[in-house]
């Protein structure tokens, strides 16, 4: 007489088949965890060594504006495209290496700038 096992909702014809499937599940789970750990370390390494972007928009020459009110920009003229970005403001995600992005905080003070 052939003996069958019924565990939960999974039907197994013999105990060896059940054990093999459990082993496969354990190996697959361990492999997933190992790959996840490797990915996390890679992301951390990228954050620790940021890539220096070239100054294609001449942002270095405007660093003196950091800490000043954004209204300072009103009377200025820029040779290349410039945009002032404030918190909650919608901006396009297109990349323009010659465009100067000037970031201001909630109080209207310039906090940083970068090219894109």
N, C-alpha and C. Protein backbone atom coordinates (compact mmCIF):
# COMPACT_ATOMS: atom_id res chain seq x y z
N UNK A 1 0.83 -1.17 0.00
CA UNK A 1 0.00 0.00 0.00
C UNK A 1 0.88 1.25 0.00
N UNK A 2 0.59 2.17 -0.90
CA UNK A 2 1.36 3.39 -1.03
C UNK A 2 0.88 4.42 -0.03
N UNK A 3 1.86 4.99 0.71
CA UNK A 3 1.49 5.95 1.75
C UNK A 3 1.72 7.37 1.23
N UNK A 4 0.79 8.27 1.46
CA UNK A 4 0.90 9.66 1.01
C UNK A 4 0.83 10.59 2.21
N UNK A 5 1.41 11.74 2.06
CA UNK A 5 1.38 12.75 3.12
C UNK A 5 0.60 13.95 2.60
N UNK A 6 -0.20 14.51 3.47
CA UNK A 6 -0.91 15.74 3.16
C UNK A 6 -0.57 16.74 4.26
N UNK A 7 0.20 17.78 3.91
CA UNK A 7 0.61 18.77 4.90
C UNK A 7 0.09 20.12 4.42
N UNK A 8 -0.73 20.73 5.23
CA UNK A 8 -1.34 21.99 4.85
C UNK A 8 -2.18 21.79 3.61
N UNK A 9 -1.92 22.59 2.59
CA UNK A 9 -2.64 22.46 1.33
C UNK A 9 -1.76 21.85 0.24
N UNK A 10 -0.55 21.40 0.61
CA UNK A 10 0.38 20.83 -0.36
C UNK A 10 0.34 19.31 -0.27
N UNK A 11 0.19 18.65 -1.38
CA UNK A 11 0.10 17.20 -1.43
C UNK A 11 1.44 16.63 -1.88
N UNK A 12 2.03 15.75 -1.12
CA UNK A 12 3.30 15.12 -1.44
C UNK A 12 3.10 13.62 -1.53
N UNK A 13 3.67 12.99 -2.59
CA UNK A 13 3.49 11.56 -2.77
C UNK A 13 4.36 10.75 -1.83
N UNK A 14 5.47 11.33 -1.35
CA UNK A 14 6.29 10.61 -0.39
C UNK A 14 7.08 11.60 0.46
N UNK A 15 7.66 11.12 1.51
CA UNK A 15 8.38 11.97 2.46
C UNK A 15 9.65 12.55 1.83
N UNK A 16 10.32 11.80 0.96
CA UNK A 16 11.53 12.30 0.33
C UNK A 16 11.26 13.53 -0.53
N UNK A 17 10.15 13.50 -1.24
CA UNK A 17 9.77 14.64 -2.07
C UNK A 17 9.54 15.88 -1.20
N UNK A 18 8.89 15.69 -0.08
CA UNK A 18 8.62 16.79 0.85
C UNK A 18 9.93 17.38 1.37
N UNK A 19 10.87 16.52 1.76
CA UNK A 19 12.14 16.98 2.31
C UNK A 19 12.94 17.73 1.24
N UNK A 20 12.94 17.24 0.01
CA UNK A 20 13.66 17.91 -1.08
C UNK A 20 13.09 19.31 -1.33
N UNK A 21 11.77 19.43 -1.29
CA UNK A 21 11.16 20.73 -1.54
C UNK A 21 11.46 21.71 -0.40
N UNK A 22 11.52 21.23 0.82
CA UNK A 22 11.88 22.08 1.96
C UNK A 22 13.33 22.53 1.82
N UNK A 23 14.23 21.63 1.44
CA UNK A 23 15.63 21.98 1.25
C UNK A 23 15.78 23.04 0.15
N UNK A 24 15.05 22.86 -0.94
CA UNK A 24 15.10 23.82 -2.03
C UNK A 24 14.61 25.19 -1.58
N UNK A 25 13.56 25.21 -0.80
CA UNK A 25 13.02 26.46 -0.27
C UNK A 25 14.04 27.15 0.64
N UNK A 26 14.72 26.40 1.47
CA UNK A 26 15.73 26.96 2.37
C UNK A 26 16.90 27.53 1.57
N UNK A 27 17.39 26.79 0.59
CA UNK A 27 18.51 27.26 -0.23
C UNK A 27 18.12 28.53 -1.00
N UNK A 28 16.94 28.55 -1.57
CA UNK A 28 16.48 29.73 -2.31
C UNK A 28 16.36 30.94 -1.38
N UNK A 29 15.86 30.75 -0.17
CA UNK A 29 15.74 31.84 0.79
C UNK A 29 17.11 32.38 1.19
N UNK A 30 18.06 31.49 1.46
CA UNK A 30 19.40 31.92 1.83
C UNK A 30 20.08 32.68 0.69
N UNK A 31 19.89 32.22 -0.52
CA UNK A 31 20.48 32.90 -1.68
C UNK A 31 19.88 34.31 -1.82
N UNK A 32 18.59 34.43 -1.62
CA UNK A 32 17.94 35.74 -1.70
C UNK A 32 18.49 36.68 -0.66
N UNK A 33 18.62 36.23 0.57
CA UNK A 33 19.16 37.07 1.64
C UNK A 33 20.61 37.47 1.35
N UNK A 34 21.40 36.55 0.83
CA UNK A 34 22.80 36.84 0.52
C UNK A 34 22.90 37.91 -0.57
N UNK A 35 22.09 37.80 -1.61
CA UNK A 35 22.11 38.79 -2.67
C UNK A 35 21.61 40.14 -2.20
N UNK A 36 20.63 40.15 -1.32
CA UNK A 36 20.12 41.40 -0.77
C UNK A 36 21.20 42.09 0.05
N UNK A 37 21.95 41.34 0.83
CA UNK A 37 23.02 41.92 1.64
C UNK A 37 24.09 42.53 0.74
N UNK A 38 24.42 41.89 -0.35
CA UNK A 38 25.43 42.43 -1.28
C UNK A 38 24.93 43.73 -1.90
N UNK A 39 23.68 43.79 -2.27
CA UNK A 39 23.13 44.99 -2.89
C UNK A 39 23.16 46.15 -1.90
N UNK A 40 22.83 45.92 -0.66
CA UNK A 40 22.82 46.98 0.34
C UNK A 40 24.21 47.56 0.52
N UNK A 41 25.24 46.73 0.54
CA UNK A 41 26.60 47.21 0.69
C UNK A 41 27.02 48.04 -0.52
N UNK A 42 26.60 47.67 -1.70
CA UNK A 42 26.93 48.42 -2.90
C UNK A 42 26.32 49.81 -2.84
N UNK A 43 25.05 49.91 -2.42
CA UNK A 43 24.40 51.21 -2.32
C UNK A 43 25.10 52.09 -1.31
N UNK A 44 25.51 51.53 -0.18
CA UNK A 44 26.20 52.29 0.84
C UNK A 44 27.53 52.80 0.31
N UNK A 45 28.23 51.98 -0.44
CA UNK A 45 29.52 52.39 -1.00
C UNK A 45 29.33 53.55 -1.97
N UNK A 46 28.27 53.55 -2.75
CA UNK A 46 28.02 54.64 -3.68
C UNK A 46 27.76 55.94 -2.94
N UNK A 47 27.04 55.89 -1.82
CA UNK A 47 26.73 57.09 -1.05
C UNK A 47 27.98 57.66 -0.40
N UNK A 48 28.93 56.84 -0.01
CA UNK A 48 30.12 57.31 0.67
C UNK A 48 31.09 57.99 -0.29
N UNK A 49 31.05 57.64 -1.56
CA UNK A 49 31.96 58.21 -2.54
C UNK A 49 31.17 58.88 -3.66
N UNK A 50 30.61 60.08 -3.39
CA UNK A 50 29.82 60.73 -4.44
C UNK A 50 30.72 61.15 -5.61
N UNK A 51 30.16 61.09 -6.79
CA UNK A 51 30.90 61.46 -7.99
C UNK A 51 30.86 62.98 -8.13
N UNK A 52 32.02 63.58 -8.31
CA UNK A 52 32.10 65.03 -8.47
C UNK A 52 31.60 65.39 -9.87
N UNK A 53 30.57 66.21 -9.94
CA UNK A 53 30.01 66.63 -11.21
C UNK A 53 30.82 67.80 -11.77
N UNK A 54 31.03 67.86 -13.08
CA UNK A 54 31.74 68.99 -13.67
C UNK A 54 30.90 70.27 -13.54
N UNK A 55 31.55 71.38 -13.41
CA UNK A 55 30.88 72.68 -13.24
C UNK A 55 30.56 73.26 -14.61
N UNK A 56 29.61 72.67 -15.32
CA UNK A 56 29.27 73.09 -16.67
C UNK A 56 28.39 74.34 -16.70
N UNK A 57 27.82 74.71 -15.55
CA UNK A 57 26.94 75.87 -15.50
C UNK A 57 27.58 77.04 -14.75
N UNK A 58 28.84 76.90 -14.38
CA UNK A 58 29.59 77.94 -13.68
C UNK A 58 29.02 78.21 -12.28
N UNK A 59 28.58 77.17 -11.60
CA UNK A 59 28.00 77.31 -10.26
C UNK A 59 29.01 77.82 -9.24
N UNK A 60 30.28 77.51 -9.43
CA UNK A 60 31.31 77.93 -8.47
C UNK A 60 31.37 79.44 -8.35
N UNK A 61 31.11 80.15 -9.43
CA UNK A 61 31.20 81.61 -9.38
C UNK A 61 30.01 82.25 -8.67
N UNK A 62 28.98 81.46 -8.36
CA UNK A 62 27.80 82.00 -7.66
C UNK A 62 27.68 81.50 -6.22
N UNK A 63 28.72 80.85 -5.72
CA UNK A 63 28.68 80.31 -4.36
C UNK A 63 28.52 81.41 -3.31
N UNK A 64 28.92 82.62 -3.63
CA UNK A 64 28.79 83.72 -2.67
C UNK A 64 27.33 84.03 -2.33
N UNK A 65 26.39 83.54 -3.15
CA UNK A 65 24.97 83.78 -2.90
C UNK A 65 24.38 82.90 -1.80
N UNK A 66 25.08 81.83 -1.44
CA UNK A 66 24.57 80.92 -0.41
C UNK A 66 24.46 81.68 0.91
N UNK A 67 23.28 81.59 1.52
CA UNK A 67 23.01 82.29 2.78
C UNK A 67 22.30 83.62 2.58
N UNK A 68 22.21 84.09 1.34
CA UNK A 68 21.55 85.36 1.04
C UNK A 68 20.09 85.10 0.66
N UNK A 69 19.24 86.12 0.75
CA UNK A 69 17.83 85.95 0.37
C UNK A 69 17.70 85.67 -1.13
N UNK A 70 16.72 84.86 -1.49
CA UNK A 70 16.50 84.53 -2.90
C UNK A 70 16.11 85.77 -3.70
N UNK A 71 15.59 86.78 -3.04
CA UNK A 71 15.23 88.03 -3.73
C UNK A 71 16.45 88.72 -4.32
N UNK A 72 17.65 88.36 -3.89
CA UNK A 72 18.89 88.89 -4.45
C UNK A 72 18.99 88.57 -5.94
N UNK A 73 18.38 87.47 -6.36
CA UNK A 73 18.45 87.03 -7.75
C UNK A 73 17.61 87.90 -8.68
N UNK A 74 16.65 88.65 -8.12
CA UNK A 74 15.73 89.43 -8.95
C UNK A 74 16.44 90.41 -9.88
N UNK A 75 17.47 91.05 -9.43
CA UNK A 75 18.16 92.03 -10.25
C UNK A 75 19.32 91.47 -11.04
N UNK A 76 19.56 90.20 -10.97
CA UNK A 76 20.71 89.60 -11.64
C UNK A 76 20.34 89.06 -13.02
N UNK A 77 21.34 89.07 -13.90
CA UNK A 77 21.17 88.48 -15.24
C UNK A 77 22.15 87.32 -15.34
N UNK A 78 21.72 86.25 -15.97
CA UNK A 78 22.54 85.04 -16.10
C UNK A 78 22.75 84.74 -17.57
N UNK A 79 23.98 84.39 -17.92
CA UNK A 79 24.32 84.08 -19.31
C UNK A 79 23.76 82.72 -19.73
N UNK A 80 23.61 81.83 -18.76
CA UNK A 80 23.07 80.49 -19.03
C UNK A 80 21.75 80.34 -18.29
N UNK A 81 20.97 79.30 -18.64
CA UNK A 81 19.67 79.10 -17.96
C UNK A 81 19.85 78.93 -16.45
N UNK A 82 18.90 79.49 -15.70
CA UNK A 82 18.91 79.40 -14.24
C UNK A 82 17.48 79.21 -13.76
N UNK A 83 17.32 78.45 -12.68
CA UNK A 83 16.00 78.35 -12.05
C UNK A 83 16.18 78.30 -10.54
N UNK A 84 15.26 78.96 -9.86
CA UNK A 84 15.22 78.97 -8.40
C UNK A 84 14.22 77.90 -7.98
N UNK A 85 14.67 76.99 -7.13
CA UNK A 85 13.82 75.88 -6.69
C UNK A 85 13.56 76.03 -5.19
N UNK A 86 12.29 76.10 -4.84
CA UNK A 86 11.88 76.22 -3.44
C UNK A 86 11.20 74.94 -2.99
N UNK A 87 11.10 74.70 -1.68
CA UNK A 87 10.46 73.46 -1.19
C UNK A 87 9.02 73.32 -1.69
N UNK A 88 8.69 72.13 -2.16
CA UNK A 88 7.35 71.83 -2.65
C UNK A 88 7.10 72.28 -4.08
N UNK A 89 8.08 72.89 -4.70
CA UNK A 89 7.92 73.38 -6.08
C UNK A 89 8.11 72.24 -7.06
N UNK A 90 7.26 72.15 -8.05
CA UNK A 90 7.40 71.14 -9.09
C UNK A 90 8.41 71.58 -10.12
N UNK A 91 9.32 70.69 -10.48
CA UNK A 91 10.33 70.99 -11.50
C UNK A 91 10.41 69.83 -12.48
N UNK A 92 10.84 70.14 -13.68
CA UNK A 92 11.02 69.08 -14.67
C UNK A 92 12.26 68.28 -14.31
N UNK A 93 12.29 67.02 -14.71
CA UNK A 93 13.41 66.14 -14.38
C UNK A 93 14.40 66.01 -15.55
N UNK A 94 14.23 66.84 -16.57
CA UNK A 94 15.17 66.77 -17.68
C UNK A 94 16.54 67.26 -17.24
N UNK A 95 17.57 66.75 -17.88
CA UNK A 95 18.94 67.12 -17.51
C UNK A 95 19.50 68.10 -18.52
N UNK A 96 19.86 69.29 -18.03
CA UNK A 96 20.51 70.31 -18.85
C UNK A 96 21.78 70.69 -18.12
N UNK A 97 22.94 70.21 -18.57
CA UNK A 97 24.19 70.45 -17.84
C UNK A 97 24.57 71.92 -17.74
N UNK A 98 24.02 72.77 -18.58
CA UNK A 98 24.34 74.19 -18.53
C UNK A 98 23.40 74.99 -17.64
N UNK A 99 22.34 74.36 -17.13
CA UNK A 99 21.37 75.07 -16.29
C UNK A 99 21.83 75.10 -14.84
N UNK A 100 21.76 76.28 -14.22
CA UNK A 100 22.10 76.46 -12.82
C UNK A 100 20.83 76.34 -12.00
N UNK A 101 20.78 75.36 -11.10
CA UNK A 101 19.66 75.19 -10.17
C UNK A 101 20.06 75.78 -8.84
N UNK A 102 19.33 76.76 -8.39
CA UNK A 102 19.59 77.40 -7.10
C UNK A 102 18.49 76.97 -6.15
N UNK A 103 18.88 76.36 -5.02
CA UNK A 103 17.94 75.84 -4.05
C UNK A 103 17.77 76.85 -2.91
N UNK A 104 16.52 77.09 -2.51
CA UNK A 104 16.23 77.98 -1.39
C UNK A 104 15.37 77.22 -0.38
N UNK A 105 15.46 77.61 0.89
CA UNK A 105 14.66 76.95 1.93
C UNK A 105 13.30 77.63 2.08
N UNK A 106 12.54 77.21 3.09
CA UNK A 106 11.19 77.73 3.32
C UNK A 106 11.20 79.23 3.61
N UNK A 107 12.29 79.75 4.14
CA UNK A 107 12.38 81.17 4.49
C UNK A 107 12.86 82.02 3.32
N UNK A 108 13.14 81.41 2.19
CA UNK A 108 13.59 82.13 1.03
C UNK A 108 15.08 82.44 1.01
N UNK A 109 15.85 81.64 1.76
CA UNK A 109 17.29 81.81 1.82
C UNK A 109 17.95 80.76 0.92
N UNK A 110 18.91 81.18 0.12
CA UNK A 110 19.61 80.28 -0.80
C UNK A 110 20.48 79.35 0.01
N UNK A 111 20.29 78.03 -0.22
CA UNK A 111 21.02 77.01 0.57
C UNK A 111 22.07 76.27 -0.24
N UNK A 112 21.87 76.11 -1.54
CA UNK A 112 22.83 75.38 -2.36
C UNK A 112 22.55 75.64 -3.83
N UNK A 113 23.46 75.14 -4.68
CA UNK A 113 23.26 75.25 -6.12
C UNK A 113 24.04 74.14 -6.82
N UNK A 114 23.54 73.75 -7.96
CA UNK A 114 24.21 72.71 -8.75
C UNK A 114 23.76 72.81 -10.20
N UNK A 115 24.49 72.14 -11.05
CA UNK A 115 24.17 72.12 -12.48
C UNK A 115 23.25 70.95 -12.80
N UNK A 116 22.26 71.17 -13.61
CA UNK A 116 21.43 70.10 -14.19
C UNK A 116 20.30 70.70 -14.96
